[in-house]
Amino acid sequence: MATKITMPRLSDTMTEGTVATWLKKVGDKVSEGDILAEIETDKATMEFESFNAGTLLYIGIKEGETAAVDSLLAIIGKEGEDISGLISGGNSAPATAEVKAEAPAQAETQQLTDNSQPTTLPKGVVVVTMPRLSDTMTEGTVATWLKKVGDEVKEGDILAEIETDKATMEFESFNAGTLLFIGINEGQSAPVDSVLAIIGPAGTDINGIAENYKKGGAAPAAAPAATEQVATTAPVAETTQTADGGRIFASPLAKQIAKDKGINLSQVKGSGENGRITKSDVENFTPSAAAQTAPAVAPSTPQAAPAPTVKPFVPAGEKFSEEIKNSQMRKTIARRLAESKFTAPHYYLTIEVAMDEAMKSRAVINTVPDTKVSFNDMVVKACAMALKKHPQVNSQWREDAMIINHHVNIGVAVAVEDGLVVPVLNFTDQMSLTQIGASVRDLAGKAKNKKLTPAEMDGSTFTVSNLGMFGIQSFTSIINQPNSAILSVGAIEEKPVVRNGQIVVGNTMTLTLACDHRTVDGATGAQFLQTLRIFLENPVTMLA
C-alpha cells in the first residue's frame, strides 16, 4: 500500500520548508534509510531520510518550491500502484495540520496563563524539545550528551545522541549560545516535544521556563540548580570525538556518498564541528591526501579499561529483584519478533553436515597472508549460492502477491549489549569469502559501537544466525520478516560417525532452517538444505 510522505518538521520553530535538492527521482527504488532530499528549514539545510521502502511514485514539492509542514512531499509505494486518490487528497494536509497544531497551541497558552511563571522567554533564550527523528517515533531516549551545562554551543554542534525506535542518531543544535539546562538525562526516555534543553546567553535566569514549556515529558531536574551550575562552571574546550575510541562523526549524506564511492571515512578529515565529516569533505577527498596526512596523526593514548560492573550484594535467604528499563531497541525487537512469530506459520527443518572438508579448506585458505575466513563466512557464502538455485526460499510474503527476489542480500545476526541487530551484506552471492569475512567484521564492529546506519540494516532477503561459538549444538530462530526463512547454525562437534560401513571420528555441524509456510513449502526447504549440504561438504563446488 502506498505511503504519503509529508513535509517534516525538522526544527522546533519550523513552519514551512523548501526542497533544495531531490536525491531520488520518480521511478527510483527507495530503501529505508535512503536520503530522499535536502530540505531547507528556517535554520539550516538538512538531509531528509526515508523511513519507508518501495518505489518513489510521486513528488509533490519540486526543487526550489516552499510548502508548509505536513504538505504532501512525496508518495512511496509499489511500482505501478494507483495513487490518484492520494494525490487528489494531498492538498488538504496543510489545512488539517493547521487544525491539529491549533489545539496544542491553545493548550500551551492556557497552561502558561494558569501558572504564575513568566509567559515570555528572556531575550536570546531558546527551548529545545525532543525531536521527532522518524515518522514512527513517539518517544526518544538520550543515549549520550556531547555537551554539558555551561558549555558554549554553536549552530550545527552535535548536542546529543538520541535513541529512537529504529536507530541511534545524532541531534544537532540549530541555535547558538550557552547550554543552560538539560531536561532529559542520559538513559532517560521522554515523549516527543518534551523539554530536552534550554540554550541562551550565559548567566540568564531560566527559573520556571522548563516547567512552563513541559509537554507531557518526564519531570526535568530543578531549573535553579541548573542556573547555579551555569554561574559556577566555565565553558570548556571542545574535544574531537574521533580520538575517543575511534568514533567518527559524519552527516548521513556524507556517509551515503562515502559508501557509494567506497571511501573509508576514517581516512577523511572532517571540516565540521568536532571534526565532523561533511558532504564536501567526502567529495573533495583523495587517497593521496589521506596518505600525506596520516603520519601527522598522533597515536591515540591507550584508554583505561572500564571498571567492572559491581553486582549488588544479596544476603543468603533474602529475596532480591532488579528492574531494568526497556530500551527502544529492546521494545522494537519484542514487537517485531512477536509479530513474526504470531503472523508467519513457522516450521523447522534440521540436517547434520559433515565439516571435515570445510575444515581442511579453511585451513588452506587462511595460510594466505592477510586472509582470515571463519566457518560462519563459509556458511554465508554457501547460503548465498544455494539461494540462487532455490529463489523460492529468497522470497517475501504479501497479502496480494509473493515477491521472489533474484538478488541475494543476507542478514547476519549480531548480538549487542541491548539485544540483537541484523546488518546486511548486499549482493552476497557476488562476494568472495574474503570479502564476506571483512564485511561481517566491519559491520559487527559498527553494531557493537551502535554506529550502524538504517541503510546497513535494511533490505535483507535471508538471515543467518550462528550460536556455534557458544557451544550450542542446535537451536531454532524466529524469522526476520519480511524474509521467508532464517538459518540457525550450531557448533562443529567431533563425534563417531558411520562412513562406508565403518565407525570413524568425524566433525559435524547441525543446521536448522525456519521457514514461513506461506511462501516456502516443505519440499522446497528440503531441496535448499540439500544444496547447502553439497556446498559445505565439498567447498570446492562453490567455485563452479
Protein backbone atom coordinates (compact mmCIF):
# COMPACT_ATOMS: atom_id res chain seq x y z
CA MET A 1 0.00 0.00 0.00
CA ALA A 2 1.34 3.42 -0.93
CA THR A 3 2.53 5.75 1.83
CA LYS A 4 2.24 9.55 1.83
CA ILE A 5 5.39 11.39 2.92
CA THR A 6 4.71 14.88 4.25
CA MET A 7 6.99 17.87 4.73
CA PRO A 8 8.72 17.05 8.04
CA ARG A 9 9.15 19.41 10.96
CA LEU A 10 12.95 19.39 11.18
CA SER A 11 13.25 22.04 13.86
CA ASP A 12 11.12 23.17 16.78
CA THR A 13 10.33 26.50 15.09
CA MET A 14 9.86 25.26 11.53
CA THR A 15 6.52 26.06 9.90
CA GLU A 16 7.49 25.58 6.25
CA GLY A 17 10.36 24.10 4.28
CA THR A 18 11.97 24.48 0.87
CA VAL A 19 13.16 21.47 -1.14
CA ALA A 20 16.75 22.37 -2.03
CA THR A 21 17.62 19.14 -3.88
CA TRP A 22 15.91 15.86 -4.70
CA LEU A 23 18.35 12.92 -4.43
CA LYS A 24 15.76 10.49 -5.83
CA LYS A 25 13.51 10.85 -8.85
CA VAL A 26 10.14 9.34 -9.72
CA GLY A 27 10.60 5.66 -10.55
CA ASP A 28 13.68 5.17 -8.36
CA LYS A 29 13.79 2.37 -5.81
CA VAL A 30 13.89 3.64 -2.23
CA SER A 31 15.16 1.68 0.76
CA GLU A 32 14.54 2.53 4.39
CA GLY A 33 17.31 4.95 5.39
CA ASP A 34 17.92 6.31 1.88
CA ILE A 35 18.26 10.09 1.67
CA LEU A 36 15.29 11.44 -0.31
CA ALA A 37 16.03 15.14 -0.40
CA GLU A 38 17.82 18.09 1.13
CA ILE A 39 15.30 20.40 2.80
CA GLU A 40 15.99 23.99 3.72
CA THR A 41 14.37 24.98 7.02
CA ASP A 42 14.29 28.34 8.79
CA LYS A 43 17.67 27.48 10.35
CA ALA A 44 19.66 25.11 8.16
CA THR A 45 19.63 22.83 5.13
CA MET A 46 19.16 19.26 6.30
CA GLU A 47 19.08 15.81 4.75
CA PHE A 48 15.73 14.01 4.94
CA GLU A 49 15.82 10.22 5.11
CA SER A 50 13.10 7.83 4.04
CA PHE A 51 11.57 5.60 6.68
CA ASN A 52 9.75 3.55 4.06
CA ALA A 53 10.84 1.18 1.29
CA GLY A 54 9.40 0.91 -2.19
CA THR A 55 9.33 2.95 -5.39
CA LEU A 56 9.14 6.76 -5.48
CA LEU A 57 5.81 7.21 -7.28
CA TYR A 58 5.17 10.93 -6.92
CA ILE A 59 6.94 14.17 -5.97
CA GLY A 60 4.61 16.82 -4.61
CA ILE A 61 7.07 19.65 -3.99
CA LYS A 62 9.60 20.43 -6.72
CA GLU A 63 13.15 21.66 -6.18
CA GLY A 64 13.12 25.30 -5.09
CA GLU A 65 9.46 25.22 -4.02
CA THR A 66 8.36 26.04 -0.48
CA ALA A 67 5.48 24.40 1.36
CA ALA A 68 4.04 24.25 4.86
CA VAL A 69 4.88 21.47 7.31
CA ASP A 70 2.68 18.40 6.65
CA SER A 71 2.18 19.29 2.97
CA LEU A 72 2.36 16.33 0.60
CA LEU A 73 6.05 15.89 -0.17
CA ALA A 74 6.12 12.51 -1.93
CA ILE A 75 4.40 9.14 -2.25
CA ILE A 76 6.23 5.82 -1.94
CA GLY A 77 4.64 2.50 -2.81
CA LYS A 78 4.70 -0.44 -5.17
CA GLU A 79 5.65 0.15 -8.80
CA GLY A 80 2.55 0.77 -10.93
CA GLU A 81 0.26 1.32 -7.95
CA ASP A 82 -2.70 3.68 -8.44
CA ILE A 83 -2.10 6.77 -6.29
CA SER A 84 -4.59 9.17 -7.87
CA GLY A 85 -6.71 9.19 -4.73
CA LEU A 86 -3.76 10.06 -2.52
CA ILE A 87 -2.65 12.88 -4.83
CA SER A 88 -6.11 14.44 -5.04
CA GLY A 89 -6.45 14.33 -1.26
CA GLY A 90 -2.91 15.53 -0.60
CA ASN A 91 -3.71 19.24 -0.74
CA SER A 92 -5.84 19.02 2.36
CA ALA A 93 -2.90 18.00 4.53
CA PRO A 94 -1.69 21.51 5.41
CA ALA A 95 -5.14 22.60 6.48
CA THR A 96 -5.52 19.50 8.62
CA ALA A 97 -2.11 20.08 10.13
CA GLU A 98 -3.07 23.67 10.93
CA VAL A 99 -6.14 22.49 12.80
CA LYS A 100 -4.08 19.91 14.70
CA ALA A 101 -1.45 22.46 15.55
CA GLU A 102 -4.02 24.94 16.81
CA ALA A 103 -5.17 22.78 19.70
CA PRO A 104 -1.73 22.25 21.31
CA ALA A 105 -1.04 25.95 20.91
CA GLN A 106 -4.25 26.81 22.76
CA ALA A 107 -3.48 24.24 25.45
CA GLU A 108 0.01 25.63 25.88
CA THR A 109 -1.30 29.19 26.12
CA GLN A 110 -3.82 28.08 28.74
CA GLN A 111 -1.08 26.31 30.72
CA LEU A 112 1.14 29.38 30.67
CA THR A 113 -1.77 31.57 31.76
CA ASP A 114 -2.68 29.27 34.66
CA ASN A 115 0.86 29.19 36.02
CA SER A 116 2.29 32.14 37.87
CA GLN A 117 5.56 31.79 35.96
CA PRO A 118 6.68 34.24 33.25
CA THR A 119 4.81 33.84 29.95
CA THR A 120 7.62 35.18 27.75
CA LEU A 121 11.15 33.89 27.28
CA PRO A 122 14.10 36.08 28.21
CA LYS A 123 15.88 37.58 25.23
CA GLY A 124 18.05 35.05 23.37
CA VAL A 125 16.73 32.01 25.27
CA VAL A 126 15.51 29.03 23.21
CA VAL A 127 13.75 25.90 24.49
CA VAL A 128 14.89 22.78 22.60
CA THR A 129 12.39 19.91 22.63
CA MET A 130 12.75 16.18 21.97
CA PRO A 131 12.76 15.96 18.14
CA ARG A 132 10.74 13.52 16.06
CA LEU A 133 13.56 11.78 14.20
CA SER A 134 11.42 9.18 12.44
CA ASP A 135 7.83 9.03 11.25
CA THR A 136 7.01 6.30 13.79
CA MET A 137 8.84 7.85 16.75
CA THR A 138 6.68 8.74 19.75
CA GLU A 139 9.42 8.94 22.37
CA GLY A 140 13.19 9.05 22.45
CA THR A 141 15.99 8.09 24.83
CA VAL A 142 19.06 10.25 25.34
CA ALA A 143 21.95 7.84 24.83
CA THR A 144 24.78 10.36 25.28
CA TRP A 145 25.11 14.07 25.93
CA LEU A 146 28.05 15.54 23.98
CA LYS A 147 27.64 18.91 25.71
CA LYS A 148 27.16 19.69 29.38
CA VAL A 149 25.57 22.58 31.24
CA GLY A 150 27.79 25.62 30.88
CA ASP A 151 29.28 24.63 27.52
CA GLU A 152 29.20 27.04 24.61
CA VAL A 153 27.05 25.74 21.75
CA LYS A 154 27.38 26.78 18.12
CA GLU A 155 24.78 26.34 15.42
CA GLY A 156 25.42 22.90 13.92
CA ASP A 157 27.13 21.47 17.02
CA ILE A 158 26.03 17.97 17.99
CA LEU A 159 24.18 18.22 21.29
CA ALA A 160 23.38 14.58 21.97
CA GLU A 161 22.89 11.10 20.56
CA ILE A 162 19.22 10.13 20.72
CA GLU A 163 17.97 6.55 20.54
CA THR A 164 14.76 6.18 18.54
CA ASP A 165 12.72 3.08 17.78
CA LYS A 166 14.95 2.46 14.74
CA ALA A 167 18.48 3.71 15.39
CA THR A 168 20.72 5.90 17.50
CA MET A 169 21.02 9.26 15.74
CA GLU A 170 22.99 12.46 16.28
CA PHE A 171 20.96 15.57 17.13
CA GLU A 172 22.37 18.92 16.05
CA SER A 173 21.72 22.30 17.60
CA PHE A 174 20.02 24.93 15.44
CA ASN A 175 20.86 27.65 17.93
CA ALA A 176 23.97 29.29 19.36
CA GLY A 177 24.59 30.24 22.98
CA THR A 178 25.31 28.53 26.28
CA LEU A 179 23.71 25.25 27.35
CA LEU A 180 21.77 26.45 30.39
CA PHE A 181 19.66 23.43 31.23
CA ILE A 182 19.36 19.72 30.46
CA GLY A 183 15.85 18.37 30.87
CA ILE A 184 16.39 14.69 29.99
CA ASN A 185 19.43 12.97 31.45
CA GLU A 186 21.43 10.20 29.78
CA GLY A 187 19.49 6.94 29.75
CA GLN A 188 16.13 8.64 30.32
CA SER A 189 13.23 8.47 27.85
CA ALA A 190 10.63 11.13 27.15
CA PRO A 191 7.85 11.74 24.61
CA VAL A 192 8.42 13.84 21.51
CA ASP A 193 8.22 17.58 22.28
CA SER A 194 9.33 17.17 25.91
CA VAL A 195 11.85 19.77 27.10
CA LEU A 196 15.27 18.48 26.07
CA ALA A 197 17.44 21.51 26.81
CA ILE A 198 17.50 25.28 27.13
CA ILE A 199 20.06 27.40 25.28
CA GLY A 200 20.67 31.11 25.80
CA PRO A 201 23.12 33.77 26.96
CA ALA A 202 25.38 32.73 29.85
CA GLY A 203 24.03 33.63 33.28
CA THR A 204 20.41 34.05 32.14
CA ASP A 205 17.81 33.29 34.82
CA ILE A 206 15.72 30.40 33.46
CA ASN A 207 13.78 29.68 36.64
CA GLY A 208 10.36 28.25 35.75
CA ILE A 209 10.91 28.11 31.99
CA ALA A 210 11.25 24.33 31.80
CA GLU A 211 8.06 23.75 33.80
CA ASN A 212 6.06 26.19 31.69
CA TYR A 213 7.12 24.55 28.43
CA LYS A 214 6.76 20.97 29.67
CA LYS A 215 4.54 18.97 27.30
CA GLY A 216 3.90 15.68 28.99
CA GLY A 217 7.52 14.54 29.33
CA ALA A 218 9.31 13.27 32.41
CA ALA A 219 9.88 15.96 35.04
CA PRO A 220 13.22 17.65 34.39
CA ALA A 221 15.80 18.49 37.01
CA ALA A 222 15.23 21.67 39.01
CA ALA A 223 15.93 24.79 36.99
CA PRO A 224 17.50 26.81 39.88
CA ALA A 225 20.20 24.18 40.28
CA ALA A 226 20.93 24.39 36.57
CA THR A 227 21.21 28.17 36.77
CA GLU A 228 23.61 27.91 39.68
CA GLN A 229 25.76 25.47 37.75
CA VAL A 230 25.91 27.88 34.82
CA ALA A 231 27.23 30.60 37.11
CA THR A 232 29.97 28.43 38.59
CA THR A 233 31.02 26.38 35.55
CA ALA A 234 33.24 27.90 32.91
CA PRO A 235 32.96 26.80 29.28
CA VAL A 236 35.42 24.03 28.42
CA ALA A 237 37.37 23.48 25.22
CA GLU A 238 35.69 21.22 22.68
CA THR A 239 37.29 17.83 22.13
CA THR A 240 37.04 15.79 18.95
CA GLN A 241 35.12 12.59 19.28
CA THR A 242 37.17 10.75 16.66
CA ALA A 243 40.03 10.40 19.12
CA ASP A 244 37.80 8.70 21.66
CA GLY A 245 37.52 5.04 20.82
CA GLY A 246 37.71 5.61 17.08
CA ARG A 247 34.28 7.25 16.81
CA ILE A 248 33.60 9.01 13.55
CA PHE A 249 31.07 11.81 13.15
CA ALA A 250 29.68 12.26 9.65
CA SER A 251 26.44 13.56 8.19
CA PRO A 252 24.05 10.95 6.71
CA LEU A 253 24.66 12.32 3.21
CA ALA A 254 28.44 12.12 3.70
CA LYS A 255 28.08 8.50 4.83
CA GLN A 256 25.94 7.66 1.80
CA ILE A 257 28.37 9.28 -0.65
CA ALA A 258 31.34 7.56 1.02
CA LYS A 259 29.55 4.21 0.79
CA ASP A 260 28.75 4.73 -2.90
CA LYS A 261 32.36 5.70 -3.69
CA GLY A 262 33.93 3.02 -1.46
CA ILE A 263 35.70 5.62 0.72
CA ASN A 264 36.79 4.70 4.25
CA LEU A 265 35.51 7.56 6.42
CA SER A 266 38.31 7.02 8.95
CA GLN A 267 40.71 8.40 6.31
CA VAL A 268 38.66 11.55 5.70
CA LYS A 269 39.46 14.70 7.67
CA GLY A 270 36.28 16.48 8.71
CA SER A 271 35.93 20.23 8.43
CA GLY A 272 32.78 20.47 10.54
CA GLU A 273 32.36 20.99 14.25
CA ASN A 274 34.29 18.48 16.39
CA GLY A 275 35.87 17.13 13.20
CA ARG A 276 32.51 16.13 11.75
CA ILE A 277 32.74 14.94 8.15
CA THR A 278 30.50 16.80 5.71
CA LYS A 279 29.37 16.19 2.14
CA SER A 280 32.11 18.44 0.71
CA ASP A 281 34.81 16.64 2.73
CA VAL A 282 33.91 13.32 1.08
CA GLU A 283 33.53 14.82 -2.41
CA ASN A 284 36.94 16.52 -2.16
CA PHE A 285 38.69 13.51 -0.61
CA THR A 286 41.63 11.92 -2.45
CA PRO A 287 43.51 8.83 -1.17
CA SER A 288 46.85 10.57 -1.73
CA ALA A 289 45.80 13.38 0.62
CA ALA A 290 44.93 10.84 3.26
CA ALA A 291 48.34 9.20 2.89
CA GLN A 292 50.09 12.55 3.36
CA THR A 293 48.17 13.45 6.50
CA ALA A 294 48.33 10.01 8.08
CA PRO A 295 51.89 10.32 9.54
CA ALA A 296 50.96 13.60 11.21
CA VAL A 297 48.25 11.94 13.28
CA ALA A 298 49.48 11.25 16.80
CA PRO A 299 48.90 7.75 18.13
CA SER A 300 45.91 7.62 20.39
CA THR A 301 46.56 7.26 24.10
CA PRO A 302 45.54 3.83 25.39
CA GLN A 303 42.23 4.10 27.18
CA ALA A 304 41.90 2.81 30.69
CA ALA A 305 39.90 -0.39 30.95
CA PRO A 306 36.33 0.27 32.09
CA ALA A 307 35.62 -0.61 35.70
CA PRO A 308 33.76 -3.91 36.04
CA THR A 309 30.08 -3.69 36.95
CA VAL A 310 29.60 -4.21 40.67
CA LYS A 311 26.85 -6.71 41.41
CA PRO A 312 24.63 -5.90 44.39
CA PHE A 313 25.26 -7.95 47.50
CA VAL A 314 22.31 -10.18 48.34
CA PRO A 315 22.40 -11.91 51.74
CA ALA A 316 21.59 -15.60 51.69
CA GLY A 317 17.91 -16.35 52.17
CA GLU A 318 16.69 -12.89 51.13
CA LYS A 319 14.62 -12.12 48.05
CA PHE A 320 16.01 -9.58 45.61
CA SER A 321 14.86 -8.42 42.19
CA GLU A 322 16.11 -5.71 39.85
CA GLU A 323 14.09 -3.64 37.38
CA ILE A 324 15.85 -2.71 34.12
CA LYS A 325 14.06 -0.22 31.90
CA ASN A 326 13.44 -1.45 28.35
CA SER A 327 15.47 0.38 25.73
CA GLN A 328 13.94 1.49 22.43
CA MET A 329 15.87 -1.31 20.73
CA ARG A 330 14.52 -3.92 23.13
CA LYS A 331 10.95 -2.68 22.61
CA THR A 332 11.36 -2.84 18.83
CA ILE A 333 12.86 -6.36 18.99
CA ALA A 334 9.97 -7.55 21.16
CA ARG A 335 7.37 -6.06 18.85
CA ARG A 336 8.90 -7.33 15.60
CA LEU A 337 9.58 -10.87 16.84
CA ALA A 338 6.10 -11.17 18.32
CA GLU A 339 4.60 -10.02 15.01
CA SER A 340 6.73 -12.56 13.12
CA LYS A 341 6.01 -15.48 15.42
CA PHE A 342 2.26 -14.89 15.54
CA THR A 343 1.68 -13.93 11.90
CA ALA A 344 4.05 -16.26 9.98
CA PRO A 345 3.35 -20.01 10.29
CA HIS A 346 6.83 -21.29 11.19
CA TYR A 347 8.08 -24.82 10.60
CA TYR A 348 11.59 -26.20 11.00
CA LEU A 349 13.90 -28.48 9.01
CA THR A 350 17.14 -29.84 10.52
CA ILE A 351 20.16 -31.50 8.88
CA GLU A 352 23.61 -32.59 10.03
CA VAL A 353 26.51 -31.60 7.77
CA ALA A 354 29.97 -33.22 7.67
CA MET A 355 32.51 -30.40 8.06
CA ASP A 356 35.81 -32.29 7.62
CA GLU A 357 36.45 -30.98 4.09
CA ALA A 358 35.35 -27.48 5.09
CA MET A 359 37.87 -27.51 7.94
CA LYS A 360 40.67 -28.56 5.58
CA SER A 361 39.69 -25.90 3.01
CA ARG A 362 39.56 -23.17 5.66
CA ALA A 363 42.99 -24.12 6.97
CA VAL A 364 44.45 -23.82 3.45
CA ILE A 365 42.68 -20.51 2.74
CA ASN A 366 43.95 -18.96 5.97
CA THR A 367 47.57 -19.71 5.06
CA VAL A 368 47.31 -16.88 2.53
CA PRO A 369 48.82 -13.68 4.04
CA ASP A 370 46.31 -11.14 5.41
CA THR A 371 43.45 -13.60 4.96
CA LYS A 372 41.09 -14.71 7.71
CA VAL A 373 37.98 -16.73 6.87
CA SER A 374 35.66 -18.16 9.53
CA PHE A 375 33.27 -21.08 9.31
CA ASN A 376 30.42 -18.59 9.51
CA ASP A 377 31.76 -16.86 6.37
CA MET A 378 31.68 -20.22 4.58
CA VAL A 379 28.09 -20.82 5.70
CA VAL A 380 27.03 -17.35 4.49
CA LYS A 381 28.69 -17.92 1.10
CA ALA A 382 27.09 -21.37 0.75
CA CYS A 383 23.67 -19.92 1.63
CA ALA A 384 24.05 -17.19 -0.99
CA MET A 385 24.83 -19.72 -3.72
CA ALA A 386 22.05 -22.08 -2.61
CA LEU A 387 19.55 -19.22 -2.69
CA LYS A 388 20.44 -18.53 -6.33
CA LYS A 389 19.47 -22.12 -7.10
CA HIS A 390 16.32 -22.01 -4.94
CA PRO A 391 14.90 -18.45 -5.23
CA GLN A 392 11.61 -19.54 -3.65
CA VAL A 393 13.42 -19.51 -0.27
CA ASN A 394 14.65 -15.99 -1.09
CA SER A 395 11.11 -14.61 -1.07
CA GLN A 396 8.69 -12.35 0.79
CA TRP A 397 5.01 -12.71 1.55
CA ARG A 398 2.46 -10.00 0.83
CA GLU A 399 -1.29 -10.30 1.04
CA ASP A 400 -1.73 -9.68 -2.69
CA ALA A 401 1.41 -11.33 -4.07
CA MET A 402 4.57 -13.29 -3.29
CA ILE A 403 7.83 -11.49 -4.09
CA ILE A 404 10.65 -13.69 -5.43
CA ASN A 405 13.98 -11.91 -5.01
CA HIS A 406 16.63 -12.74 -7.61
CA HIS A 407 19.23 -10.66 -5.78
CA VAL A 408 20.72 -12.12 -2.59
CA ASN A 409 21.15 -9.86 0.45
CA ILE A 410 21.99 -11.91 3.53
CA GLY A 411 21.49 -10.50 7.00
CA VAL A 412 23.90 -11.74 9.69
CA ALA A 413 22.51 -11.63 13.23
CA VAL A 414 24.88 -9.87 15.65
CA ALA A 415 24.41 -9.83 19.43
CA VAL A 416 24.91 -6.40 21.03
CA GLU A 417 24.56 -5.16 24.58
CA ASP A 418 20.92 -4.13 24.23
CA GLY A 419 19.73 -7.05 22.10
CA LEU A 420 20.17 -8.14 18.51
CA VAL A 421 20.74 -6.32 15.22
CA VAL A 422 20.96 -7.71 11.68
CA PRO A 423 23.42 -5.89 9.39
CA VAL A 424 23.04 -6.81 5.73
CA LEU A 425 25.57 -7.96 3.12
CA ASN A 426 24.24 -6.71 -0.20
CA PHE A 427 24.71 -8.97 -3.27
CA THR A 428 26.32 -11.65 -1.10
CA ASP A 429 26.45 -14.16 -3.96
CA GLN A 430 28.86 -11.86 -5.82
CA MET A 431 31.27 -11.59 -2.86
CA SER A 432 34.31 -13.77 -2.22
CA LEU A 433 34.89 -15.50 1.11
CA THR A 434 37.49 -12.86 1.99
CA GLN A 435 35.10 -10.01 1.18
CA ILE A 436 32.34 -11.63 3.22
CA GLY A 437 34.68 -12.04 6.20
CA ALA A 438 35.91 -8.45 6.06
CA SER A 439 32.39 -7.06 5.67
CA VAL A 440 30.98 -9.10 8.55
CA ARG A 441 33.79 -7.99 10.88
CA ASP A 442 33.31 -4.35 9.88
CA LEU A 443 29.53 -4.42 10.34
CA ALA A 444 29.77 -6.37 13.61
CA GLY A 445 32.17 -3.75 14.96
CA LYS A 446 29.79 -0.95 13.99
CA ALA A 447 26.91 -2.85 15.60
CA LYS A 448 28.70 -3.20 18.93
CA ASN A 449 29.56 0.54 18.85
CA LYS A 450 25.96 1.47 17.90
CA LYS A 451 27.16 3.05 14.67
CA LEU A 452 25.13 1.03 12.17
CA THR A 453 23.04 3.21 9.88
CA PRO A 454 19.46 2.26 8.94
CA ALA A 455 20.66 1.63 5.37
CA GLU A 456 23.12 -1.00 6.64
CA MET A 457 20.30 -2.92 8.32
CA ASP A 458 17.75 -2.72 5.52
CA GLY A 459 16.95 -4.91 2.54
CA SER A 460 17.83 -8.44 3.70
CA THR A 461 16.27 -11.33 1.79
CA PHE A 462 17.56 -14.16 4.04
CA THR A 463 19.14 -14.32 7.52
CA VAL A 464 21.87 -16.41 9.18
CA SER A 465 22.08 -16.73 12.97
CA ASN A 466 25.11 -18.51 14.44
CA LEU A 467 25.48 -19.60 18.08
CA GLY A 468 28.12 -22.23 17.38
CA MET A 469 30.83 -20.11 19.00
CA PHE A 470 28.96 -20.51 22.30
CA GLY A 471 28.96 -24.28 22.03
CA ILE A 472 25.24 -24.53 21.17
CA GLN A 473 24.62 -27.77 19.28
CA SER A 474 21.30 -26.78 17.67
CA PHE A 475 18.54 -24.22 18.07
CA THR A 476 15.63 -22.65 16.23
CA SER A 477 15.26 -18.96 15.32
CA ILE A 478 12.30 -16.66 14.68
CA ILE A 479 12.10 -15.47 11.06
CA ASN A 480 13.35 -11.94 10.49
CA GLN A 481 10.43 -10.58 8.46
CA PRO A 482 9.87 -9.76 5.67
CA ASN A 483 12.25 -12.68 4.96
CA SER A 484 10.72 -16.11 4.43
CA ALA A 485 13.47 -18.11 6.14
CA ILE A 486 16.32 -17.96 8.65
CA LEU A 487 19.16 -20.48 9.14
CA SER A 488 20.30 -21.40 12.65
CA VAL A 489 23.93 -22.59 12.79
CA GLY A 490 25.20 -24.78 15.63
CA ALA A 491 28.69 -25.73 16.80
CA ILE A 492 31.05 -28.12 14.98
CA GLU A 493 31.32 -31.30 17.06
CA GLU A 494 33.83 -34.14 16.91
CA LYS A 495 31.98 -37.44 17.35
CA PRO A 496 31.69 -41.01 15.97
CA VAL A 497 30.08 -41.20 12.53
CA VAL A 498 29.42 -44.06 10.11
CA ARG A 499 31.15 -43.79 6.74
CA ASN A 500 31.34 -46.62 4.20
CA GLY A 501 30.04 -49.05 6.82
CA GLN A 502 32.78 -48.10 9.31
CA ILE A 503 32.59 -46.10 12.54
CA VAL A 504 35.13 -43.30 12.36
CA VAL A 505 35.72 -39.95 14.07
CA GLY A 506 34.16 -37.06 12.16
CA ASN A 507 33.28 -33.38 12.55
CA THR A 508 29.64 -32.46 12.07
CA MET A 509 27.52 -29.32 12.33
CA THR A 510 23.76 -29.06 12.83
CA LEU A 511 21.79 -26.58 10.69
CA THR A 512 18.13 -25.74 11.29
CA LEU A 513 16.08 -23.83 8.71
CA ALA A 514 12.98 -21.98 9.93
CA CYS A 515 10.55 -21.39 7.05
CA ASP A 516 7.39 -19.36 6.52
CA HIS A 517 4.91 -21.95 5.23
CA ARG A 518 3.03 -19.27 3.28
CA THR A 519 5.93 -18.97 0.83
CA VAL A 520 8.23 -21.96 1.36
CA ASP A 521 6.80 -25.48 1.18
CA GLY A 522 8.48 -28.37 2.98
CA ALA A 523 9.90 -29.90 -0.20
CA THR A 524 11.34 -26.53 -1.27
CA GLY A 525 13.05 -26.02 2.09
CA ALA A 526 14.42 -29.59 1.99
CA GLN A 527 15.88 -29.09 -1.50
CA PHE A 528 17.55 -25.87 -0.36
CA LEU A 529 19.19 -27.70 2.56
CA GLN A 530 20.37 -30.49 0.27
CA THR A 531 22.11 -27.95 -1.98
CA LEU A 532 23.55 -26.20 1.07
CA ARG A 533 24.95 -29.53 2.32
CA ILE A 534 26.70 -30.17 -1.02
CA PHE A 535 28.42 -26.76 -0.91
CA LEU A 536 29.59 -27.14 2.70
CA GLU A 537 30.70 -30.76 2.49
CA ASN A 538 32.59 -30.06 -0.75
CA PRO A 539 33.67 -26.38 -0.60
CA VAL A 540 35.41 -26.64 -3.97
CA THR A 541 31.94 -26.85 -5.58
CA MET A 542 31.34 -23.22 -4.58
CA LEU A 543 33.94 -22.30 -7.19
CA ALA A 544 31.99 -23.94 -10.02
